[in-house]
Protein backbone atom coordinates (compact mmCIF):
# COMPACT_ATOMS: atom_id res chain seq x y z
CA MET A 1 0.00 0.26 0.18
CA PRO A 2 2.00 3.42 -0.95
CA THR A 3 2.10 5.73 2.27
CA ALA A 4 3.41 8.84 1.92
CA THR A 5 7.32 9.19 2.91
CA ASN A 6 7.40 12.93 3.94
CA GLU A 7 5.75 16.07 5.33
CA THR A 8 5.64 17.51 2.23
CA GLU A 9 4.17 14.45 0.25
CA THR A 10 1.80 13.51 3.30
CA GLY A 11 0.47 17.19 2.53
CA GLY A 12 -0.33 16.93 -0.81
CA THR A 13 -2.23 13.90 -0.61
CA LEU A 14 -4.32 15.42 2.33
CA HIS A 15 -4.58 18.93 0.53
CA GLN A 16 -5.92 16.76 -2.69
CA THR A 17 -8.32 14.85 -0.70
CA ALA A 18 -9.64 18.43 1.25
CA GLN A 19 -10.17 19.53 -2.52
CA MET A 20 -12.17 16.27 -2.94
CA ILE A 21 -14.51 16.92 0.14
CA GLU A 22 -14.90 20.44 -1.00
CA LYS A 23 -16.26 19.21 -4.37
CA ALA A 24 -18.38 16.54 -2.91
CA ARG A 25 -20.03 19.24 -0.76
CA TRP A 26 -21.01 21.76 -3.91
CA ALA A 27 -22.17 18.51 -5.93
CA ALA A 28 -24.14 17.95 -2.97
CA SER A 29 -25.99 21.31 -2.65
CA SER A 30 -26.43 21.35 -6.73
CA PHE A 31 -27.92 17.59 -6.80
CA ALA A 32 -30.33 18.31 -3.61
CA THR A 33 -31.92 20.43 -6.07
CA TYR A 34 -32.36 17.47 -8.88
CA PRO A 35 -36.18 16.29 -9.47
CA ARG A 36 -36.92 12.51 -9.74
CA ASP A 37 -37.20 11.78 -13.07
CA SER A 38 -33.75 13.39 -13.53
CA VAL A 39 -32.20 10.98 -10.62
CA LEU A 40 -33.71 7.90 -11.64
CA SER A 41 -32.42 8.83 -15.05
CA ILE A 42 -28.81 9.31 -13.99
CA VAL A 43 -28.96 6.13 -11.83
CA GLU A 44 -30.21 3.63 -14.17
CA ALA A 45 -27.26 5.07 -16.77
CA MET A 46 -25.23 4.20 -13.68
CA ALA A 47 -27.03 0.68 -13.33
CA LYS A 48 -26.53 -0.13 -16.77
CA ALA A 49 -22.87 0.85 -17.18
CA ALA A 50 -22.23 -1.25 -14.05
CA ALA A 51 -23.62 -4.37 -15.21
CA ALA A 52 -22.06 -4.25 -18.39
CA GLU A 53 -18.99 -4.08 -16.65
CA SER A 54 -19.35 -6.87 -13.76
CA ARG A 55 -17.39 -9.61 -15.57
CA ARG A 56 -14.28 -7.71 -16.23
CA TYR A 57 -14.62 -6.07 -12.51
CA ALA A 58 -15.22 -9.92 -11.05
CA ASP A 59 -11.82 -11.48 -12.92
CA TRP A 60 -10.15 -8.33 -11.75
CA ALA A 61 -11.31 -8.52 -8.07
CA VAL A 62 -10.33 -12.08 -7.66
CA GLU A 63 -7.21 -11.53 -9.15
CA GLU A 64 -6.22 -8.54 -7.39
CA SER A 65 -7.23 -9.77 -3.93
CA GLY A 66 -6.61 -12.89 -4.12
CA PHE A 67 -9.82 -14.67 -3.07
CA GLY A 68 -13.33 -15.22 -4.21
CA ASN A 69 -15.05 -16.47 -6.98
CA PRO A 70 -15.35 -14.72 -10.34
CA ASP A 71 -18.72 -16.24 -11.61
CA HIS A 72 -20.56 -15.58 -8.21
CA LYS A 73 -18.69 -11.90 -8.25
CA GLU A 74 -20.35 -11.41 -11.12
CA ILE A 75 -23.65 -12.27 -10.05
CA LYS A 76 -23.16 -10.19 -7.19
CA ASN A 77 -21.71 -7.12 -9.45
CA ARG A 78 -25.31 -7.55 -11.35
CA LEU A 79 -27.07 -7.34 -8.05
CA CYS A 80 -25.87 -4.55 -6.97
CA ALA A 81 -25.94 -2.85 -10.25
CA THR A 82 -29.55 -3.56 -11.99
CA GLY A 83 -31.01 -5.40 -9.46
CA LEU A 84 -30.55 -2.56 -7.11
CA PHE A 85 -32.08 -0.26 -9.00
CA ASP A 86 -34.69 -2.36 -10.15
CA HIS A 87 -35.46 -3.05 -6.35
CA TYR A 88 -35.58 0.73 -5.83
CA LYS A 89 -36.79 2.75 -8.61
CA GLY A 90 -40.48 2.49 -7.55
CA GLU A 91 -39.88 4.28 -4.42
CA ASN A 92 -39.76 7.97 -4.46
CA PHE A 93 -36.81 9.68 -2.01
CA THR A 94 -37.13 13.63 -3.70
CA ASP A 95 -40.62 14.93 -3.60
CA TYR A 96 -42.66 15.87 -0.49
CA ARG A 97 -45.28 13.16 1.11
CA ILE A 98 -48.85 14.83 1.87
CA GLU A 99 -50.07 12.74 4.96
CA PRO A 100 -53.96 14.04 5.54
CA GLU A 101 -54.34 11.48 8.25
CA THR A 102 -51.71 12.85 10.42
CA ARG A 103 -52.02 16.06 9.27
CA SER A 104 -48.46 16.65 7.94
CA VAL A 105 -46.20 16.84 5.29
CA ALA A 106 -42.62 15.29 5.11
CA ILE A 107 -40.32 17.28 3.08
CA PRO A 108 -36.84 14.75 2.09
CA LYS A 109 -33.22 16.35 2.95
CA PRO A 110 -30.16 14.27 1.54
CA ALA A 111 -27.44 13.60 3.82
CA GLY A 112 -24.88 15.75 2.18
CA VAL A 113 -21.37 13.87 1.86
CA ILE A 114 -21.37 10.43 2.29
CA PHE A 115 -17.87 8.89 3.14
CA ALA A 116 -17.74 5.62 1.99
CA LEU A 117 -15.65 2.75 2.93
CA THR A 118 -15.40 -0.16 0.70
CA PRO A 119 -14.51 -3.78 1.81
CA SER A 120 -11.75 -6.18 -0.01
CA THR A 121 -14.24 -8.97 0.03
CA ASN A 122 -17.18 -7.78 -2.08
CA PRO A 123 -14.77 -4.44 -3.74
CA VAL A 124 -16.68 -3.73 -6.62
CA CYS A 125 -20.44 -4.70 -5.53
CA SER A 126 -20.08 -2.65 -2.64
CA VAL A 127 -18.81 0.36 -4.50
CA PHE A 128 -21.90 -0.24 -7.01
CA TYR A 129 -24.37 -0.32 -3.91
CA LYS A 130 -22.99 1.95 -1.91
CA ALA A 131 -22.82 4.76 -4.85
CA ILE A 132 -26.49 4.03 -6.59
CA LEU A 133 -28.04 3.82 -2.94
CA ALA A 134 -25.97 7.88 -2.32
CA LEU A 135 -27.47 9.00 -5.60
CA LEU A 136 -31.14 7.68 -5.70
CA THR A 137 -31.26 9.88 -2.74
CA ARG A 138 -29.38 12.64 -4.30
CA ASN A 139 -26.22 12.68 -1.97
CA ALA A 140 -22.70 12.95 -3.22
CA ILE A 141 -20.04 9.92 -1.96
CA VAL A 142 -16.63 9.73 -1.52
CA ILE A 143 -15.52 6.39 -1.89
CA SER A 144 -12.29 4.81 -0.29
CA PRO A 145 -11.85 1.51 -1.38
CA HIS A 146 -9.54 -1.12 0.96
CA PRO A 147 -6.37 -0.96 0.39
CA ALA A 148 -6.05 -4.91 -0.77
CA ALA A 149 -8.62 -4.42 -3.66
CA LYS A 150 -8.14 -0.55 -4.60
CA ALA A 151 -7.03 -0.92 -8.17
CA CYS A 152 -10.65 -2.74 -9.31
CA GLY A 153 -12.82 -0.51 -6.74
CA ALA A 154 -11.48 2.96 -7.76
CA ASP A 155 -11.71 2.06 -11.32
CA ALA A 156 -15.27 0.98 -10.61
CA ALA A 157 -15.73 4.45 -9.17
CA ARG A 158 -14.74 6.38 -11.98
CA LEU A 159 -16.76 4.43 -14.48
CA LEU A 160 -19.78 5.28 -12.24
CA ALA A 161 -19.10 9.30 -12.13
CA ARG A 162 -18.13 9.44 -15.86
CA THR A 163 -21.40 7.72 -16.36
CA ALA A 164 -23.69 9.52 -13.65
CA GLU A 165 -21.96 13.34 -15.30
CA ALA A 166 -22.53 12.22 -18.90
CA ALA A 167 -26.34 11.40 -17.35
CA GLY A 168 -26.43 15.32 -15.81
CA ALA A 169 -25.07 14.60 -12.65
CA PRO A 170 -22.89 17.34 -10.96
CA ASP A 171 -19.12 17.38 -11.56
CA GLY A 172 -17.85 15.91 -8.68
CA THR A 173 -21.16 13.63 -7.24
CA ILE A 174 -19.17 10.43 -7.35
CA GLN A 175 -15.11 10.84 -5.97
CA VAL A 176 -12.62 8.05 -5.16
CA ILE A 177 -9.29 8.41 -3.08
CA ASP A 178 -7.19 5.96 -5.33
CA ASP A 179 -4.22 5.59 -2.51
CA PRO A 180 -5.75 5.41 1.04
CA THR A 181 -3.42 5.74 3.83
CA MET A 182 -4.00 6.00 7.47
CA PRO A 183 -3.27 9.73 7.84
CA LEU A 184 -5.81 10.51 4.91
CA ILE A 185 -8.59 8.08 6.00
CA ASN A 186 -8.43 9.75 9.65
CA SER A 187 -8.47 12.92 8.42
CA VAL A 188 -11.43 12.22 6.36
CA MET A 189 -13.63 10.59 9.08
CA THR A 190 -13.16 13.18 11.69
CA SER A 191 -13.78 16.08 9.40
CA ASP A 192 -16.58 18.11 9.76
CA ARG A 193 -16.82 18.32 6.18
CA ILE A 194 -18.30 15.39 5.69
CA ASN A 195 -22.36 14.19 6.71
CA LEU A 196 -22.02 10.62 7.24
CA ILE A 197 -19.78 7.73 7.05
CA LEU A 198 -21.05 3.92 5.23
CA ALA A 199 -18.53 1.77 7.01
CA THR A 200 -18.26 -1.89 5.38
CA GLY A 201 -15.46 -4.18 6.48
CA GLY A 202 -13.35 -5.65 9.84
CA SER A 203 -14.62 -4.51 13.21
CA PRO A 204 -11.43 -2.17 13.57
CA VAL A 205 -13.18 0.14 10.68
CA VAL A 206 -16.36 0.03 11.77
CA ARG A 207 -15.44 0.90 15.25
CA ALA A 208 -13.06 3.86 14.09
CA ALA A 209 -16.08 4.94 12.10
CA TYR A 210 -18.31 5.25 15.11
CA SER A 211 -15.23 7.01 16.95
CA SER A 212 -14.69 9.62 14.49
CA GLY A 213 -17.38 12.20 16.12
CA ASN A 214 -19.32 12.25 12.79
CA PRO A 215 -22.53 10.22 11.92
CA ALA A 216 -21.95 6.67 10.85
CA ILE A 217 -23.87 3.91 9.94
CA GLY A 218 -21.75 0.26 10.50
CA VAL A 219 -22.25 -3.63 10.77
CA GLY A 220 -20.69 -6.01 13.06
CA PRO A 221 -19.46 -9.59 12.49
CA GLY A 222 -21.41 -12.54 11.55
CA ASN A 223 -21.70 -16.05 13.14
CA ASN A 224 -24.36 -17.22 11.81
CA PRO A 225 -25.83 -20.80 12.78
CA VAL A 226 -28.43 -22.86 10.30
CA TYR A 227 -30.69 -24.99 12.18
CA VAL A 228 -32.03 -27.99 10.23
CA ASP A 229 -35.09 -28.99 12.35
CA GLU A 230 -37.15 -32.85 11.99
CA THR A 231 -39.52 -31.31 9.78
CA ALA A 232 -37.54 -30.04 7.07
CA ASP A 233 -37.37 -31.08 3.55
CA VAL A 234 -33.84 -32.27 4.09
CA ALA A 235 -32.65 -32.85 0.66
CA ARG A 236 -34.23 -29.35 -0.48
CA ALA A 237 -32.12 -27.80 2.67
CA ALA A 238 -29.02 -29.66 1.94
CA LYS A 239 -28.83 -28.02 -1.43
CA GLN A 240 -29.79 -25.25 -0.12
CA ILE A 241 -26.84 -24.88 2.23
CA VAL A 242 -24.36 -26.08 0.49
CA ASP A 243 -24.71 -23.62 -2.27
CA SER A 244 -24.86 -20.80 0.41
CA LYS A 245 -21.88 -21.94 1.59
CA ALA A 246 -19.96 -22.19 -1.47
CA PHE A 247 -20.95 -19.30 -2.62
CA ASP A 248 -18.34 -16.96 -3.31
CA ASN A 249 -16.07 -19.05 -1.37
CA ALA A 250 -18.51 -18.19 1.59
CA ILE A 251 -16.95 -14.44 1.54
CA LEU A 252 -20.12 -13.04 2.53
CA CYS A 253 -20.17 -12.30 6.12
CA THR A 254 -24.07 -14.06 5.91
CA ASN A 255 -22.71 -17.16 4.98
CA GLU A 256 -23.29 -20.10 7.19
CA SER A 257 -20.87 -20.92 10.00
CA ALA A 258 -22.37 -24.08 11.26
CA VAL A 259 -25.16 -26.56 10.78
CA ILE A 260 -27.66 -27.67 13.71
CA ALA A 261 -28.99 -30.70 12.66
CA HIS A 262 -31.37 -32.53 14.47
CA ARG A 263 -31.05 -36.20 15.40
CA ALA A 264 -34.07 -37.25 13.60
CA ILE A 265 -32.79 -36.34 10.33
CA ALA A 266 -28.89 -35.74 10.79
CA PRO A 267 -27.79 -38.96 9.09
CA ARG A 268 -30.21 -38.30 5.93
CA LEU A 269 -29.01 -34.42 6.18
CA VAL A 270 -24.68 -35.43 5.75
CA SER A 271 -25.85 -38.04 3.37
CA GLU A 272 -27.55 -35.65 1.34
CA MET A 273 -24.82 -32.65 1.75
CA LYS A 274 -22.08 -34.84 0.39
CA ARG A 275 -24.34 -35.63 -2.96
CA GLN A 276 -24.13 -31.83 -2.87
CA GLY A 277 -20.31 -31.55 -2.81
CA CYS A 278 -19.34 -31.72 0.50
CA HIS A 279 -16.57 -33.78 2.51
CA LEU A 280 -17.19 -34.75 5.77
CA VAL A 281 -13.85 -34.18 7.68
CA SER A 282 -12.51 -37.12 9.95
CA ALA A 283 -11.64 -36.42 13.55
CA ASP A 284 -8.04 -36.38 12.90
CA ASP A 285 -8.24 -34.06 9.94
CA ARG A 286 -10.65 -31.75 11.82
CA ASP A 287 -7.75 -31.31 14.11
CA ARG A 288 -5.45 -30.27 11.59
CA LEU A 289 -7.39 -28.39 10.03
CA ALA A 290 -8.87 -26.58 13.43
CA GLU A 291 -5.05 -25.91 13.76
CA HIS A 292 -4.69 -24.64 10.11
CA LEU A 293 -7.59 -22.50 10.16
CA PHE A 294 -6.97 -21.11 13.46
CA PRO A 295 -3.56 -20.77 14.76
CA GLY A 296 -3.18 -19.50 17.98
CA GLY A 297 -6.49 -18.88 18.19
CA LYS A 298 -6.92 -16.38 15.26
CA PHE A 299 -8.35 -16.85 11.96
CA ASN A 300 -5.68 -17.62 9.23
CA ILE A 301 -6.47 -14.62 6.80
CA SER A 302 -4.61 -16.41 4.24
CA LEU A 303 -7.38 -18.83 3.73
CA LEU A 304 -9.77 -15.83 3.25
CA GLY A 305 -12.20 -16.42 0.69
CA LYS A 306 -9.93 -19.28 -0.62
CA PRO A 307 -11.31 -22.07 -2.27
CA ALA A 308 -12.00 -26.21 -0.36
CA SER A 309 -9.25 -27.81 -2.66
CA VAL A 310 -6.91 -24.56 -1.61
CA ILE A 311 -7.58 -25.04 2.18
CA ALA A 312 -7.51 -28.69 2.42
CA GLU A 313 -3.99 -28.86 0.10
CA SER A 314 -2.70 -26.39 2.54
CA ALA A 315 -3.73 -28.10 5.81
CA GLY A 316 -2.12 -31.42 4.25
CA ILE A 317 -6.05 -33.40 4.01
CA ARG A 318 -6.70 -35.09 1.04
CA ILE A 319 -10.21 -34.46 -0.43
CA PRO A 320 -12.06 -35.65 -3.62
CA ARG A 321 -11.33 -33.36 -6.59
CA ASP A 322 -15.11 -32.14 -6.81
CA THR A 323 -15.34 -31.05 -3.27
CA ARG A 324 -16.94 -27.36 -2.48
CA VAL A 325 -17.42 -27.22 1.21
CA LEU A 326 -15.23 -28.95 4.10
CA LEU A 327 -18.02 -30.40 6.47
CA VAL A 328 -16.46 -30.27 10.13
CA PRO A 329 -17.95 -32.08 12.77
CA LEU A 330 -18.03 -29.86 16.20
CA GLU A 331 -17.07 -31.31 19.30
CA ARG A 332 -18.83 -28.35 20.89
CA ILE A 333 -19.93 -24.92 20.55
CA GLY A 334 -18.23 -21.81 22.75
CA ASP A 335 -15.94 -18.71 22.92
CA ASP A 336 -13.08 -21.35 23.60
CA TYR A 337 -13.70 -23.55 20.62
CA PRO A 338 -12.54 -21.32 17.36
CA LEU A 339 -14.30 -24.18 15.08
CA SER A 340 -17.59 -22.92 16.47
CA ARG A 341 -16.61 -19.15 14.89
CA GLU A 342 -17.23 -17.25 12.01
CA LYS A 343 -15.60 -18.50 8.82
CA LEU A 344 -15.12 -16.41 5.89
CA CYS A 345 -14.31 -19.63 3.95
CA PRO A 346 -16.20 -22.87 2.95
CA VAL A 347 -15.25 -24.84 5.57
CA LEU A 348 -18.77 -25.19 7.59
CA GLY A 349 -19.31 -26.78 11.07
CA LEU A 350 -21.77 -29.68 11.96
CA TYR A 351 -23.08 -30.23 15.53
CA GLU A 352 -25.85 -32.56 16.00
CA VAL A 353 -28.38 -31.96 18.95
CA ALA A 354 -30.83 -34.67 20.67
CA ASP A 355 -33.86 -32.32 20.05
CA ARG A 356 -35.29 -28.85 19.85
CA GLU A 357 -34.26 -27.74 23.01
CA ALA A 358 -30.69 -28.31 22.65
CA ALA A 359 -30.71 -27.19 18.87
CA LEU A 360 -31.79 -23.58 20.78
CA THR A 361 -29.31 -23.33 23.40
CA ALA A 362 -26.63 -24.20 20.23
CA CYS A 363 -27.55 -21.40 18.13
CA ARG A 364 -27.76 -18.98 20.99
CA ALA A 365 -24.48 -19.75 22.11
CA MET A 366 -23.09 -19.27 18.41
CA ILE A 367 -24.76 -16.14 18.12
CA ARG A 368 -23.11 -14.91 21.61
CA ASN A 369 -20.31 -15.84 20.22
CA ARG A 370 -19.18 -12.92 18.12
CA GLY A 371 -22.57 -12.90 15.85
CA ALA A 372 -24.87 -11.09 17.87
CA GLY A 373 -27.27 -8.91 16.01
CA HIS A 374 -26.42 -10.67 12.67
CA SER A 375 -28.56 -13.42 11.05
CA ALA A 376 -29.57 -17.01 11.68
CA ALA A 377 -31.37 -19.72 9.26
CA ILE A 378 -33.93 -22.44 9.77
CA HIS A 379 -34.82 -25.07 7.26
CA ALA A 380 -38.59 -26.65 8.97
CA GLU A 381 -42.21 -26.66 7.93
CA ASP A 382 -43.67 -26.26 11.35
CA PRO A 383 -44.73 -22.84 11.46
CA ALA A 384 -44.61 -22.95 15.64
CA MET A 385 -41.16 -23.59 15.62
CA ILE A 386 -39.99 -21.07 12.98
CA LEU A 387 -41.69 -18.38 15.16
CA ARG A 388 -39.94 -19.35 18.41
CA PHE A 389 -36.71 -19.82 16.72
CA ALA A 390 -37.26 -16.23 15.52
CA ALA A 391 -38.09 -15.52 18.92
CA GLU A 392 -35.22 -16.48 20.79
CA MET A 393 -32.23 -15.72 18.38
CA ASP A 394 -30.52 -12.11 18.99
CA VAL A 395 -30.28 -11.21 15.43
CA MET A 396 -32.22 -9.14 13.20
CA ARG A 397 -32.97 -11.41 10.47
CA VAL A 398 -34.17 -14.96 10.48
CA VAL A 399 -34.47 -16.55 6.89
CA ILE A 400 -36.53 -19.71 6.54
CA ASN A 401 -36.08 -22.36 3.81
CA VAL A 402 -33.11 -20.58 1.92
CA GLY A 403 -29.69 -20.45 1.94
CA CYS A 404 -28.48 -17.49 4.18
CA SER A 405 -25.45 -16.11 2.23
CA THR A 406 -27.46 -14.60 -0.38
CA GLY A 407 -31.20 -15.15 1.48
CA ALA A 408 -30.20 -12.78 4.44
CA ALA A 409 -28.45 -10.27 2.07
CA GLY A 410 -31.84 -9.72 0.42
CA PHE A 411 -31.62 -11.63 -2.89
CA ASP A 412 -33.05 -14.35 -2.54
CA THR A 413 -35.55 -12.87 -0.41
CA PHE A 414 -37.74 -9.79 -0.10
CA LEU A 415 -35.56 -8.36 2.35
CA GLY A 416 -33.52 -5.46 0.93
CA PRO A 417 -30.81 -6.31 -1.28
CA SER A 418 -27.77 -4.97 1.01
CA MET A 419 -23.67 -5.09 1.19
CA THR A 420 -24.01 -3.30 4.27
CA ILE A 421 -25.96 -5.60 7.09
CA GLY A 422 -27.16 -3.81 9.96
CA THR A 423 -26.66 -5.56 13.07
CA GLY A 424 -28.93 -3.43 15.92
CA PHE A 425 -28.47 -2.85 19.07
CA HIS A 426 -27.30 -6.63 19.50
CA GLY A 427 -24.34 -6.12 17.85
CA ARG A 428 -23.52 -2.81 18.73
CA SER A 429 -24.84 -0.96 15.21
CA SER A 430 -26.82 1.80 14.58
CA ILE A 431 -29.37 0.10 12.49
CA GLY A 432 -30.76 -3.20 12.74
CA GLU A 433 -32.18 -3.67 9.00
CA ASN A 434 -29.88 -4.32 5.79
CA ILE A 435 -28.85 -0.51 4.68
CA GLY A 436 -31.22 0.91 2.19
CA PRO A 437 -31.80 4.58 0.68
CA GLU A 438 -33.98 4.70 3.25
CA HIS A 439 -31.32 5.12 5.61
CA LEU A 440 -29.09 8.08 3.47
CA VAL A 441 -32.19 10.42 3.71
CA GLN A 442 -34.11 12.33 6.57
CA TRP A 443 -37.45 13.93 6.28
CA THR A 444 -38.69 17.33 7.63
CA ARG A 445 -41.96 17.26 8.90
CA ILE A 446 -44.45 19.78 8.81
CA ALA A 447 -47.19 19.05 11.61
CA TYR A 448 -49.77 21.19 12.08
CA ASN A 449 -52.28 21.10 14.84
CA ALA A 450 -54.62 18.26 15.99
CA ALA A 451 -57.24 20.01 16.60
CA ALA A 452 -60.10 19.68 14.14
CA ASP A 453 -61.16 22.91 14.18
CA VAL A 454 -57.78 24.11 12.62
CA PRO A 455 -57.41 23.67 8.94
CA PHE A 456 -54.96 21.65 7.25
CA PRO A 457 -54.66 23.18 3.76
CA ASP A 458 -54.56 21.58 0.15
CA PHE A 459 -50.74 21.17 -0.66
CA THR A 460 -51.42 19.10 -3.84
CA GLY A 461 -49.60 20.28 -6.94
CA LEU A 462 -47.82 22.66 -5.30
CA ALA A 463 -43.74 22.65 -6.08
CA LEU A 464 -41.22 23.05 -3.35
CA PRO A 465 -39.12 26.43 -4.01
CA GLN A 466 -35.80 25.51 -6.13
CA PRO A 467 -32.84 28.44 -6.47
CA ALA A 468 -32.69 30.76 -8.77
CA THR A 469 -29.58 29.26 -10.20
CA ARG A 470 -27.71 26.03 -8.62
CA PRO A 471 -24.48 26.26 -6.68
CA ARG A 472 -21.40 25.96 -8.81
CA LEU A 473 -17.76 25.83 -7.71
CA PRO A 474 -16.08 28.50 -7.01
CA GLU A 475 -13.36 29.89 -9.29
CA GLY A 476 -9.66 28.45 -9.21
CA GLU A 477 -8.50 26.32 -6.41
CA ILE A 478 -9.97 26.50 -2.61
CA ASP A 479 -8.27 27.38 -0.20
CA TYR A 480 -8.01 24.81 2.08
CA SER A 481 -5.09 24.42 4.55
CA PHE A 482 -4.65 21.75 7.60
CA ASP A 483 -4.47 22.47 11.02
CA TRP A 484 -3.11 18.82 12.36
CA VAL A 485 -2.53 20.06 15.86
CA GLY A 486 -6.25 20.64 16.06
CA GLY A 487 -6.49 16.98 14.82
CA ARG A 488 -8.88 18.09 12.05
CA PRO A 489 -8.30 20.08 8.73
CA SER A 490 -9.49 23.73 8.79
CA ARG A 491 -12.30 25.07 6.75
CA PRO A 492 -11.75 26.48 3.62
CA SER A 493 -12.17 30.37 3.33
CA ASN A 494 -14.34 30.41 0.36
CA ALA A 495 -17.02 27.75 2.38
CA PRO A 496 -20.25 28.84 3.98
CA ASP A 497 -20.03 29.86 7.81
CA VAL A 498 -21.05 26.83 10.14
CA GLU A 499 -21.43 26.30 13.81
CA GLU A 500 -18.07 25.46 15.56
CA PRO A 501 -17.65 21.43 16.38
CA VAL A 502 -17.22 20.06 19.97
CA PRO A 503 -13.96 20.11 21.28
CA VAL A 504 -12.45 16.67 21.63
CA ASP A 505 -9.67 15.28 22.64
CA ALA A 506 -7.98 14.82 19.03
CA ASP A 507 -4.64 12.78 19.83
CA ALA A 508 -6.62 10.35 21.71
CA LEU A 509 -8.94 10.05 19.25
CA ARG A 510 -6.57 9.92 16.09
CA ALA A 511 -4.14 7.55 18.22
CA GLU A 512 -7.20 5.39 18.73
CA ILE A 513 -7.96 5.43 15.35
CA ARG A 514 -4.62 4.88 14.06
CA GLN A 515 -4.28 1.72 15.81
CA LEU A 516 -7.74 0.11 14.67
CA ILE A 517 -7.29 0.85 10.84
CA LEU A 518 -3.85 -0.24 11.43
CA GLU A 519 -4.76 -3.61 12.13
CA GLU A 520 -6.80 -4.56 9.45
CA MET A 521 -4.76 -3.01 6.53
CA ARG A 522 -1.62 -4.77 8.41
CA ALA A 523 -3.45 -7.98 8.29
CA MET A 524 -4.57 -7.69 4.69
CA GLN A 525 -1.05 -6.59 3.45
CA HIS A 526 0.42 -10.00 5.31
CA GLU A 527 -2.10 -11.57 3.19
CA GLN A 528 -0.69 -10.38 -0.05
CA ARG A 529 2.88 -10.45 1.14
């Protein structure tokens, strides 16, 4: 990852990024005045351009990051392009809403400038997803791709920027940081010139976003159980679970970590899973695999998103050539047993239980073990059991009779299609839903007196006031100097006055963010070496 080598180079990079953010602010001010038909035309053009390049970016992402499946990444890229647009094009985030029953009118207000961090696991589809959501709600967005996949992510962002501007969006509505570094990310996240951070990535990045002092939407890790009940269609459940775990080599945070199987159907389930490409690991191989997958109790990041064959070979385990998923019998479930944790690779735990009570206990234990608030799945035909399962799991989404990877992400269900999964209060996230455009816009409410004798007028057909001319970028270079003593860049001299931020312990905040972000960046750099 390129880093600054001296103060001059650092200052230059920070100064360029400050220019980028200020350009985004002017673009956001202009874009906020666009009518709905113009917004939809711009976003539709973006979605079509993204879909047309989905395969090229899928190959590029796998080549650059070293993990995942290009066929499956192409599917995700398309789903986050035209699939995403088709899902939301019927919703209106630009016009005011008249609500006579509550004697109110709601006026949409975009967030403004969104700073979006994208992960190496889904480097291109996350760019498509966040940019489309941002523009559907008339926001500007500055994208910071993960250093392990920055080339493909930055190129995808530039494709969308060119397309949006050609379709009529203001210059600077979509911008990208080509070479993200720690001081630069620190500067942007703590800057009072952005309005919202949309963070997807490892826990260090999400914690840093929430610690920045700016509004942030972040997510927590998953450790998703899938319970196969005695009433399940076993053959169908086996196929869906294996397909889900094999999808993009289990790189999605919504993938299944372990199957909890009712004893009455466990032998049939294992047999069917073998037919679908699972290899059942022996007890000796399990111990060898556990040490290889979690050396010193920490996940071996070099195995992230690798195929089952690569993982088995590197662990010294012989498996059939057509193996898609390594099925590993678990001795127990608990914080001290790494195999029961999240595994972002095609290694799937198997835990047999005597009855439903034991199944619920096991699933709850998995969720407590670093998966609170995320997702769970159940394969069953008994609605009473399904209702109880959902009520007892401390997660924000429970998918039924479907693979968890794409089901919880909203692509095989009617949940919102998403690459950012809110984990709610249980998972220490500000939002408990799949993140959608509704989370990037807020509404000013005109609220009338509730008394019946106070008239509520007819607002039908009235237009919101528009500026005589849309804002334009100031002439010449923006004067934007940096004050690192204060911990955040100074305000440009030609920008509108805003209220001063509440003073913070900038040195402590910067040190915390430095430690958290470097933790993830070093891990990903280690993989590349």
